[in-house]
Amino acid sequence: MFIAMNQFQVDPQRGAEFEAVWRTRESYLQGFDGFRSFALLKGDDPGDYVSHSMWESREAFMAWATSDSFKRAHGNRMPEGVLAGHPRARFYEAVIEERAGEAPGG
């Protein structure tokens, strides 16, 4: 499993606007080969958000990141002033996976 995350620092007064943009966007993720799941996470600190996508492999994510679907999904810009700087991208390979009802590593 491969996880791609972007951390966003959002103007705390505009969190609802930030969330609305994500709720109403077309992600183009459904049906993309290797895609497992997506979540937008809101942190405890005001304005702290993380987008979190799970993929079968790094190769599946890279195919997404270089696709026309990715370009379409990221074509709409966030309204001016919602973000306080650029998102911070982070990437992780799973070394251990544990799922409900399965033995660790299963």
N, C-alpha and C. Protein backbone atom coordinates (compact mmCIF):
# COMPACT_ATOMS: atom_id res chain seq x y z
N MET A 1 0.84 -1.18 0.00
CA MET A 1 0.00 0.00 0.00
C MET A 1 0.89 1.24 0.00
N PHE A 2 0.41 2.27 -0.68
CA PHE A 2 1.11 3.54 -0.77
C PHE A 2 0.14 4.64 -0.36
N ILE A 3 0.60 5.59 0.44
CA ILE A 3 -0.23 6.69 0.91
C ILE A 3 0.38 8.01 0.46
N ALA A 4 -0.46 8.85 -0.15
CA ALA A 4 -0.04 10.19 -0.55
C ALA A 4 -0.86 11.19 0.25
N MET A 5 -0.19 12.16 0.86
CA MET A 5 -0.88 13.15 1.68
C MET A 5 -0.39 14.53 1.34
N ASN A 6 -1.29 15.49 1.45
CA ASN A 6 -0.94 16.90 1.33
C ASN A 6 -1.44 17.59 2.59
N GLN A 7 -0.57 18.31 3.26
CA GLN A 7 -0.98 19.08 4.44
C GLN A 7 -1.24 20.51 4.01
N PHE A 8 -2.41 21.03 4.43
CA PHE A 8 -2.83 22.38 4.09
C PHE A 8 -2.95 23.21 5.34
N GLN A 9 -2.46 24.44 5.28
CA GLN A 9 -2.70 25.42 6.33
C GLN A 9 -3.73 26.38 5.77
N VAL A 10 -4.91 26.38 6.39
CA VAL A 10 -6.06 27.14 5.90
C VAL A 10 -6.34 28.28 6.87
N ASP A 11 -6.74 29.42 6.34
CA ASP A 11 -7.19 30.52 7.19
C ASP A 11 -8.32 29.96 8.06
N PRO A 12 -8.16 29.95 9.39
CA PRO A 12 -9.17 29.35 10.27
C PRO A 12 -10.58 29.92 10.08
N GLN A 13 -10.67 31.16 9.63
CA GLN A 13 -11.98 31.77 9.40
C GLN A 13 -12.64 31.26 8.10
N ARG A 14 -11.86 30.52 7.28
CA ARG A 14 -12.36 30.09 5.98
C ARG A 14 -12.37 28.57 5.82
N GLY A 15 -12.33 27.87 6.96
CA GLY A 15 -12.35 26.41 6.92
C GLY A 15 -13.58 25.84 6.23
N ALA A 16 -14.74 26.40 6.50
CA ALA A 16 -15.98 25.91 5.87
C ALA A 16 -15.91 26.08 4.36
N GLU A 17 -15.34 27.17 3.90
CA GLU A 17 -15.19 27.41 2.46
C GLU A 17 -14.24 26.39 1.84
N PHE A 18 -13.13 26.13 2.52
CA PHE A 18 -12.16 25.13 2.07
C PHE A 18 -12.83 23.76 1.94
N GLU A 19 -13.57 23.36 2.97
CA GLU A 19 -14.26 22.07 2.95
C GLU A 19 -15.29 22.01 1.83
N ALA A 20 -16.01 23.10 1.59
CA ALA A 20 -17.03 23.12 0.55
C ALA A 20 -16.42 22.91 -0.83
N VAL A 21 -15.24 23.49 -1.07
CA VAL A 21 -14.56 23.29 -2.35
C VAL A 21 -14.27 21.81 -2.54
N TRP A 22 -13.79 21.14 -1.52
CA TRP A 22 -13.48 19.72 -1.61
C TRP A 22 -14.75 18.88 -1.77
N ARG A 23 -15.81 19.23 -1.07
CA ARG A 23 -17.06 18.47 -1.15
C ARG A 23 -17.70 18.53 -2.54
N THR A 24 -17.55 19.64 -3.21
CA THR A 24 -18.24 19.84 -4.48
C THR A 24 -17.36 19.58 -5.70
N ARG A 25 -16.11 19.25 -5.50
CA ARG A 25 -15.22 19.03 -6.63
C ARG A 25 -15.43 17.64 -7.23
N GLU A 26 -15.06 17.50 -8.47
CA GLU A 26 -15.02 16.19 -9.12
C GLU A 26 -13.60 15.67 -8.93
N SER A 27 -13.46 14.51 -8.28
CA SER A 27 -12.11 14.02 -7.97
C SER A 27 -11.50 13.18 -9.08
N TYR A 28 -12.31 12.52 -9.88
CA TYR A 28 -11.86 11.64 -10.95
C TYR A 28 -11.07 10.44 -10.43
N LEU A 29 -11.21 10.11 -9.15
CA LEU A 29 -10.50 8.99 -8.56
C LEU A 29 -11.22 7.65 -8.77
N GLN A 30 -12.55 7.68 -8.72
CA GLN A 30 -13.32 6.43 -8.84
C GLN A 30 -13.02 5.74 -10.16
N GLY A 31 -12.69 4.47 -10.06
CA GLY A 31 -12.40 3.68 -11.25
C GLY A 31 -10.95 3.78 -11.72
N PHE A 32 -10.16 4.66 -11.10
CA PHE A 32 -8.76 4.76 -11.51
C PHE A 32 -8.01 3.54 -10.96
N ASP A 33 -7.28 2.86 -11.82
CA ASP A 33 -6.59 1.62 -11.45
C ASP A 33 -5.65 1.84 -10.26
N GLY A 34 -5.82 1.04 -9.22
CA GLY A 34 -4.95 1.09 -8.05
C GLY A 34 -5.44 2.00 -6.95
N PHE A 35 -6.49 2.79 -7.18
CA PHE A 35 -7.02 3.68 -6.14
C PHE A 35 -7.79 2.87 -5.11
N ARG A 36 -7.52 3.13 -3.81
CA ARG A 36 -8.22 2.45 -2.71
C ARG A 36 -9.20 3.37 -2.00
N SER A 37 -8.71 4.54 -1.55
CA SER A 37 -9.61 5.43 -0.79
C SER A 37 -9.03 6.83 -0.69
N PHE A 38 -9.91 7.76 -0.33
CA PHE A 38 -9.54 9.14 -0.12
C PHE A 38 -10.25 9.65 1.12
N ALA A 39 -9.58 10.53 1.88
CA ALA A 39 -10.21 11.23 3.00
C ALA A 39 -9.60 12.62 3.10
N LEU A 40 -10.43 13.59 3.45
CA LEU A 40 -9.95 14.91 3.83
C LEU A 40 -10.04 14.97 5.34
N LEU A 41 -8.92 15.19 5.99
CA LEU A 41 -8.84 15.17 7.44
C LEU A 41 -8.69 16.58 7.99
N LYS A 42 -9.40 16.85 9.08
CA LYS A 42 -9.32 18.14 9.76
C LYS A 42 -8.63 17.91 11.10
N GLY A 43 -7.55 18.65 11.32
CA GLY A 43 -6.79 18.48 12.55
C GLY A 43 -7.40 19.22 13.72
N ASP A 44 -6.85 19.00 14.90
CA ASP A 44 -7.29 19.69 16.12
C ASP A 44 -6.88 21.16 16.12
N ASP A 45 -5.76 21.47 15.48
CA ASP A 45 -5.30 22.86 15.42
C ASP A 45 -6.10 23.62 14.36
N PRO A 46 -6.54 24.83 14.64
CA PRO A 46 -7.31 25.60 13.68
C PRO A 46 -6.59 25.74 12.34
N GLY A 47 -7.30 25.43 11.26
CA GLY A 47 -6.75 25.58 9.92
C GLY A 47 -5.89 24.44 9.43
N ASP A 48 -5.73 23.38 10.22
CA ASP A 48 -4.88 22.25 9.84
C ASP A 48 -5.72 21.18 9.14
N TYR A 49 -5.41 20.91 7.86
CA TYR A 49 -6.10 19.89 7.07
C TYR A 49 -5.08 19.03 6.35
N VAL A 50 -5.46 17.77 6.09
CA VAL A 50 -4.63 16.86 5.32
C VAL A 50 -5.52 16.10 4.35
N SER A 51 -5.13 16.07 3.08
CA SER A 51 -5.78 15.15 2.13
C SER A 51 -4.98 13.85 2.17
N HIS A 52 -5.69 12.74 2.14
CA HIS A 52 -5.08 11.43 2.36
C HIS A 52 -5.64 10.46 1.33
N SER A 53 -4.79 9.97 0.43
CA SER A 53 -5.25 8.97 -0.53
C SER A 53 -4.42 7.71 -0.39
N MET A 54 -5.10 6.58 -0.53
CA MET A 54 -4.45 5.27 -0.42
C MET A 54 -4.49 4.59 -1.78
N TRP A 55 -3.36 3.97 -2.13
CA TRP A 55 -3.18 3.35 -3.44
C TRP A 55 -2.61 1.95 -3.27
N GLU A 56 -2.83 1.12 -4.26
CA GLU A 56 -2.28 -0.24 -4.25
C GLU A 56 -0.75 -0.21 -4.22
N SER A 57 -0.16 0.79 -4.91
CA SER A 57 1.29 0.86 -5.02
C SER A 57 1.71 2.28 -5.38
N ARG A 58 2.99 2.55 -5.23
CA ARG A 58 3.55 3.84 -5.66
C ARG A 58 3.34 4.02 -7.18
N GLU A 59 3.49 2.92 -7.92
CA GLU A 59 3.33 2.99 -9.37
C GLU A 59 1.90 3.40 -9.74
N ALA A 60 0.91 2.89 -9.01
CA ALA A 60 -0.49 3.27 -9.28
C ALA A 60 -0.69 4.76 -9.00
N PHE A 61 -0.12 5.25 -7.89
CA PHE A 61 -0.23 6.67 -7.59
C PHE A 61 0.46 7.52 -8.67
N MET A 62 1.66 7.11 -9.09
CA MET A 62 2.38 7.88 -10.10
C MET A 62 1.62 7.89 -11.43
N ALA A 63 0.95 6.80 -11.77
CA ALA A 63 0.13 6.77 -12.98
C ALA A 63 -0.99 7.81 -12.85
N TRP A 64 -1.60 7.90 -11.67
CA TRP A 64 -2.64 8.90 -11.40
C TRP A 64 -2.05 10.31 -11.50
N ALA A 65 -0.91 10.53 -10.86
CA ALA A 65 -0.32 11.86 -10.77
C ALA A 65 0.13 12.40 -12.13
N THR A 66 0.31 11.53 -13.10
CA THR A 66 0.73 11.96 -14.43
C THR A 66 -0.40 11.84 -15.46
N SER A 67 -1.62 11.60 -14.98
CA SER A 67 -2.75 11.36 -15.88
C SER A 67 -3.53 12.63 -16.20
N ASP A 68 -4.34 12.57 -17.25
CA ASP A 68 -5.26 13.65 -17.56
C ASP A 68 -6.31 13.80 -16.46
N SER A 69 -6.70 12.68 -15.83
CA SER A 69 -7.66 12.74 -14.73
C SER A 69 -7.13 13.60 -13.58
N PHE A 70 -5.85 13.45 -13.27
CA PHE A 70 -5.23 14.26 -12.22
C PHE A 70 -5.28 15.74 -12.60
N LYS A 71 -4.94 16.04 -13.84
CA LYS A 71 -4.96 17.44 -14.31
C LYS A 71 -6.36 18.02 -14.20
N ARG A 72 -7.38 17.25 -14.57
CA ARG A 72 -8.77 17.74 -14.47
C ARG A 72 -9.16 17.93 -13.01
N ALA A 73 -8.78 16.99 -12.14
CA ALA A 73 -9.14 17.07 -10.72
C ALA A 73 -8.51 18.27 -10.05
N HIS A 74 -7.33 18.68 -10.50
CA HIS A 74 -6.61 19.78 -9.88
C HIS A 74 -6.67 21.07 -10.68
N GLY A 75 -7.58 21.13 -11.65
CA GLY A 75 -7.69 22.29 -12.51
C GLY A 75 -8.34 23.50 -11.87
N ASN A 76 -9.19 23.29 -10.89
CA ASN A 76 -9.86 24.42 -10.22
C ASN A 76 -9.03 24.88 -9.04
N ARG A 77 -8.78 26.15 -9.00
CA ARG A 77 -7.96 26.73 -7.92
C ARG A 77 -8.82 27.04 -6.70
N MET A 78 -8.17 27.01 -5.56
CA MET A 78 -8.80 27.42 -4.31
C MET A 78 -8.96 28.94 -4.35
N PRO A 79 -10.07 29.48 -3.83
CA PRO A 79 -10.23 30.94 -3.80
C PRO A 79 -9.07 31.63 -3.08
N GLU A 80 -8.72 32.79 -3.57
CA GLU A 80 -7.61 33.58 -3.03
C GLU A 80 -7.78 33.79 -1.52
N GLY A 81 -6.70 33.57 -0.79
CA GLY A 81 -6.69 33.84 0.64
C GLY A 81 -7.16 32.71 1.54
N VAL A 82 -7.67 31.62 0.97
CA VAL A 82 -8.12 30.49 1.79
C VAL A 82 -6.91 29.75 2.37
N LEU A 83 -5.89 29.54 1.53
CA LEU A 83 -4.69 28.84 1.96
C LEU A 83 -3.62 29.82 2.43
N ALA A 84 -2.91 29.41 3.47
CA ALA A 84 -1.77 30.18 3.96
C ALA A 84 -0.50 29.47 3.50
N GLY A 85 -0.18 29.58 2.22
CA GLY A 85 1.00 28.93 1.67
C GLY A 85 0.64 27.71 0.85
N HIS A 86 1.67 27.07 0.32
CA HIS A 86 1.49 25.89 -0.53
C HIS A 86 1.30 24.64 0.32
N PRO A 87 0.54 23.67 -0.18
CA PRO A 87 0.41 22.39 0.54
C PRO A 87 1.77 21.71 0.65
N ARG A 88 1.91 20.91 1.67
CA ARG A 88 3.14 20.13 1.88
C ARG A 88 2.84 18.67 1.57
N ALA A 89 3.44 18.15 0.52
CA ALA A 89 3.22 16.77 0.10
C ALA A 89 4.09 15.82 0.91
N ARG A 90 3.50 14.67 1.28
CA ARG A 90 4.21 13.62 2.01
C ARG A 90 3.78 12.28 1.42
N PHE A 91 4.73 11.33 1.29
CA PHE A 91 4.46 10.04 0.67
C PHE A 91 5.02 8.93 1.54
N TYR A 92 4.24 7.84 1.65
CA TYR A 92 4.61 6.74 2.55
C TYR A 92 4.28 5.39 1.92
N GLU A 93 5.20 4.44 2.09
CA GLU A 93 4.99 3.04 1.72
C GLU A 93 4.63 2.29 3.00
N ALA A 94 3.60 1.47 2.95
CA ALA A 94 3.23 0.67 4.12
C ALA A 94 4.23 -0.46 4.29
N VAL A 95 4.73 -0.63 5.50
CA VAL A 95 5.62 -1.76 5.80
C VAL A 95 4.88 -2.80 6.62
N ILE A 96 3.81 -2.40 7.29
CA ILE A 96 2.93 -3.30 8.03
C ILE A 96 1.50 -2.82 7.81
N GLU A 97 0.60 -3.73 7.51
CA GLU A 97 -0.83 -3.41 7.39
C GLU A 97 -1.60 -4.32 8.32
N GLU A 98 -2.56 -3.77 9.03
CA GLU A 98 -3.44 -4.57 9.88
C GLU A 98 -4.87 -4.12 9.61
N ARG A 99 -5.74 -5.07 9.32
CA ARG A 99 -7.13 -4.77 9.02
C ARG A 99 -8.03 -5.51 10.00
N ALA A 100 -9.20 -4.95 10.23
CA ALA A 100 -10.17 -5.59 11.11
C ALA A 100 -10.43 -7.01 10.61
N GLY A 101 -10.38 -7.98 11.50
CA GLY A 101 -10.67 -9.37 11.15
C GLY A 101 -9.53 -10.11 10.50
N GLU A 102 -8.36 -9.49 10.38
CA GLU A 102 -7.20 -10.15 9.78
C GLU A 102 -6.02 -10.11 10.74
N ALA A 103 -5.13 -11.06 10.57
CA ALA A 103 -3.90 -11.04 11.36
C ALA A 103 -3.01 -9.90 10.87
N PRO A 104 -2.17 -9.30 11.72
CA PRO A 104 -1.27 -8.24 11.29
C PRO A 104 -0.43 -8.69 10.08
N GLY A 105 -0.25 -7.73 9.15
CA GLY A 105 0.53 -8.00 7.94
C GLY A 105 -0.28 -8.71 6.86
N GLY A 106 -1.55 -9.07 7.17
CA GLY A 106 -2.38 -9.86 6.27
C GLY A 106 -2.96 -9.08 5.20
